[in-house]
Amino acid sequence: MKKVFVVTIAVLMSGIFTIQAANNDMAVRSKLAAKLLEVMEVGKMLNQTFDSMKTMQGNMTKQFVKNAKDRELAVKHQQKIMDLMKKELSWDNLKPEFEKLYAETYSEEELDGLIKFYQSPIGRKFTEKQPEMQKKSMIMVQKMMMRIMPKIQALTNDMRKEIIAAKKVGAKK
């Protein structure tokens, strides 16, 4: 009976130590994840991305909404939506979630390696050039969207016509 008791206590204690080690490991990885996000300047890039998206959305609306009054109203509302998104998806709100995500995804060794990379001259250059790359990629996507926007509008018009036709059929019944 004593042996069973001793074995049970040993198993329970090993489980507690395993949980404690896992918690310590996650705490270390969380700190490393926070450091990585800092050296990657994710918060700064997030703000720049929102500003670029806001400008791009405004430009696209100005090009595709023909009526000046409608265009002004659409731009105004898009700006409000982008401001809301920027506020709700701010770095202060996202940072804890990103830290958790990085800590769960990368090992301590991987986080250390990434931090070293982003602190290296080539890593700093990569981070420095990211806003330029984002701007160029957004312009590229904007051009692609402008090319497909007439197709999207045609599909939207088709859908609207189908909805109207279905309502008419439903009203007759």
Protein backbone atom coordinates (compact mmCIF):
# COMPACT_ATOMS: atom_id res chain seq x y z
CA MET A 1 0.00 0.00 0.00
CA LYS A 2 2.88 2.34 0.86
CA LYS A 3 4.40 1.69 -2.57
CA VAL A 4 1.16 2.67 -4.34
CA PHE A 5 0.97 5.84 -2.25
CA VAL A 6 4.60 6.74 -2.96
CA VAL A 7 4.21 6.05 -6.69
CA THR A 8 1.01 8.14 -6.79
CA ILE A 9 2.73 11.05 -5.05
CA ALA A 10 5.72 10.76 -7.39
CA VAL A 11 3.47 10.79 -10.47
CA LEU A 12 1.54 13.81 -9.16
CA MET A 13 4.75 15.68 -8.34
CA SER A 14 6.25 14.95 -11.76
CA GLY A 15 3.06 16.29 -13.35
CA ILE A 16 3.28 19.46 -11.27
CA PHE A 17 6.94 19.93 -12.22
CA THR A 18 6.12 19.35 -15.89
CA ILE A 19 3.36 21.97 -15.76
CA GLN A 20 5.69 24.38 -13.95
CA ALA A 21 8.42 23.85 -16.57
CA ALA A 22 5.93 24.39 -19.41
CA ASN A 23 4.69 27.59 -17.76
CA ASN A 24 8.27 28.84 -17.31
CA ASP A 25 9.06 27.97 -20.94
CA MET A 26 5.98 29.87 -22.15
CA ALA A 27 6.90 32.87 -19.99
CA VAL A 28 10.39 32.94 -21.51
CA ARG A 29 8.98 32.59 -25.02
CA SER A 30 6.43 35.34 -24.34
CA LYS A 31 9.21 37.72 -23.32
CA LEU A 32 11.21 36.77 -26.40
CA ALA A 33 8.14 37.20 -28.59
CA ALA A 34 7.62 40.71 -27.17
CA LYS A 35 11.27 41.53 -27.91
CA LEU A 36 10.98 40.17 -31.46
CA LEU A 37 7.87 42.22 -32.19
CA GLU A 38 9.67 45.29 -30.86
CA VAL A 39 12.77 44.83 -33.03
CA MET A 40 10.55 44.08 -36.04
CA GLU A 41 8.77 47.41 -35.40
CA VAL A 42 5.41 45.74 -35.97
CA GLY A 43 3.44 48.51 -34.27
CA LYS A 44 4.98 51.17 -36.48
CA MET A 45 4.38 49.11 -39.62
CA LEU A 46 0.77 48.46 -38.59
CA ASN A 47 0.07 52.19 -38.34
CA GLN A 48 1.72 52.84 -41.69
CA THR A 49 -0.33 50.03 -43.25
CA PHE A 50 -3.59 51.50 -41.96
CA ASP A 51 -2.66 54.95 -43.27
CA SER A 52 -1.80 53.51 -46.69
CA MET A 53 -5.02 51.48 -46.80
CA LYS A 54 -7.05 54.56 -45.89
CA THR A 55 -5.48 56.52 -48.75
CA MET A 56 -5.90 53.64 -51.19
CA GLN A 57 -9.57 53.15 -50.29
CA GLY A 58 -10.25 56.85 -50.71
CA ASN A 59 -8.55 56.90 -54.11
CA MET A 60 -10.45 53.85 -55.33
CA THR A 61 -13.77 55.31 -54.21
CA LYS A 62 -13.01 58.59 -55.93
CA GLN A 63 -12.33 56.72 -59.17
CA PHE A 64 -15.32 54.39 -59.14
CA VAL A 65 -18.14 56.46 -57.68
CA LYS A 66 -19.15 58.78 -60.49
CA ASN A 67 -21.66 61.07 -58.77
CA ALA A 68 -19.79 63.77 -56.80
CA LYS A 69 -22.30 63.83 -53.93
CA ASP A 70 -22.29 60.03 -53.63
CA ARG A 71 -18.51 59.97 -53.89
CA GLU A 72 -18.13 62.50 -51.07
CA LEU A 73 -20.49 60.50 -48.86
CA ALA A 74 -18.76 57.18 -49.69
CA VAL A 75 -15.30 58.60 -48.96
CA LYS A 76 -16.54 60.08 -45.68
CA HIS A 77 -17.97 56.76 -44.53
CA GLN A 78 -14.93 54.77 -45.65
CA GLN A 79 -12.72 57.12 -43.67
CA LYS A 80 -14.89 56.53 -40.59
CA ILE A 81 -14.65 52.77 -41.08
CA MET A 82 -10.87 52.93 -41.47
CA ASP A 83 -10.58 55.14 -38.38
CA LEU A 84 -12.66 52.63 -36.40
CA MET A 85 -10.53 49.74 -37.65
CA LYS A 86 -7.32 51.59 -36.80
CA LYS A 87 -8.62 52.26 -33.29
CA GLU A 88 -9.98 48.77 -32.61
CA LEU A 89 -7.05 47.00 -34.28
CA SER A 90 -4.46 49.29 -32.71
CA TRP A 91 -1.08 47.93 -31.74
CA ASP A 92 -1.98 48.30 -28.05
CA ASN A 93 -4.95 45.98 -28.63
CA LEU A 94 -3.15 43.53 -30.91
CA LYS A 95 0.23 43.32 -29.17
CA PRO A 96 -0.77 40.82 -26.43
CA GLU A 97 -2.40 38.58 -29.02
CA PHE A 98 0.64 38.71 -31.30
CA GLU A 99 2.98 37.98 -28.38
CA LYS A 100 0.90 34.92 -27.50
CA LEU A 101 0.76 33.81 -31.14
CA TYR A 102 4.53 34.12 -31.63
CA ALA A 103 5.25 32.44 -28.26
CA GLU A 104 3.00 29.51 -29.17
CA THR A 105 4.35 29.21 -32.71
CA TYR A 106 8.11 29.58 -32.29
CA SER A 107 10.51 27.81 -29.97
CA GLU A 108 12.84 29.74 -27.71
CA GLU A 109 15.72 28.96 -30.08
CA GLU A 110 13.75 30.19 -33.11
CA LEU A 111 12.73 33.40 -31.35
CA ASP A 112 16.35 34.03 -30.36
CA GLY A 113 17.43 33.51 -33.98
CA LEU A 114 14.77 35.83 -35.33
CA ILE A 115 15.70 38.53 -32.82
CA LYS A 116 19.35 38.24 -33.84
CA PHE A 117 18.37 38.49 -37.51
CA TYR A 118 16.21 41.60 -37.03
CA GLN A 119 18.96 43.22 -34.94
CA SER A 120 21.58 42.45 -37.59
CA PRO A 121 22.43 45.03 -40.29
CA ILE A 122 20.51 43.09 -42.96
CA GLY A 123 17.57 42.57 -40.60
CA ARG A 124 17.46 46.30 -39.77
CA LYS A 125 17.61 47.07 -43.51
CA PHE A 126 14.75 44.64 -44.09
CA THR A 127 12.66 46.38 -41.41
CA GLU A 128 13.62 49.81 -42.72
CA LYS A 129 12.48 48.94 -46.25
CA GLN A 130 9.21 47.29 -45.23
CA PRO A 131 7.12 50.50 -45.45
CA GLU A 132 8.39 51.07 -49.00
CA MET A 133 7.60 47.46 -49.91
CA GLN A 134 4.13 47.75 -48.39
CA LYS A 135 3.43 50.94 -50.29
CA LYS A 136 4.56 49.40 -53.58
CA SER A 137 2.58 46.24 -52.95
CA MET A 138 -0.54 48.24 -52.11
CA ILE A 139 -0.17 50.21 -55.33
CA MET A 140 0.22 46.93 -57.21
CA VAL A 141 -2.92 45.50 -55.56
CA GLN A 142 -4.81 48.75 -56.21
CA LYS A 143 -3.98 48.49 -59.92
CA MET A 144 -5.16 44.90 -59.95
CA MET A 145 -8.38 45.85 -58.14
CA MET A 146 -9.02 48.64 -60.64
CA ARG A 147 -8.69 46.08 -63.42
CA ILE A 148 -11.21 43.69 -61.87
CA MET A 149 -13.56 46.30 -60.38
CA PRO A 150 -15.76 46.48 -63.51
CA LYS A 151 -16.21 42.71 -63.29
CA ILE A 152 -17.13 42.98 -59.60
CA GLN A 153 -19.60 45.74 -60.42
CA ALA A 154 -21.14 43.63 -63.20
CA LEU A 155 -21.54 40.68 -60.81
CA THR A 156 -23.08 43.00 -58.21
CA ASN A 157 -25.54 44.35 -60.79
CA ASP A 158 -26.46 40.81 -61.86
CA MET A 159 -27.07 39.86 -58.24
CA ARG A 160 -29.21 42.95 -57.67
CA LYS A 161 -31.29 42.12 -60.77
CA GLU A 162 -31.76 38.54 -59.56
CA ILE A 163 -32.89 39.78 -56.14
CA ILE A 164 -35.38 42.17 -57.74
CA ALA A 165 -36.70 39.43 -60.04
CA ALA A 166 -37.05 37.00 -57.11
CA LYS A 167 -38.97 39.59 -55.09
CA LYS A 168 -41.36 40.14 -58.01
CA VAL A 169 -41.97 36.39 -58.33
CA GLY A 170 -42.50 36.13 -54.58
CA ALA A 171 -44.94 39.06 -54.58
CA LYS A 172 -47.06 37.41 -57.28
CA LYS A 173 -47.58 34.25 -55.19
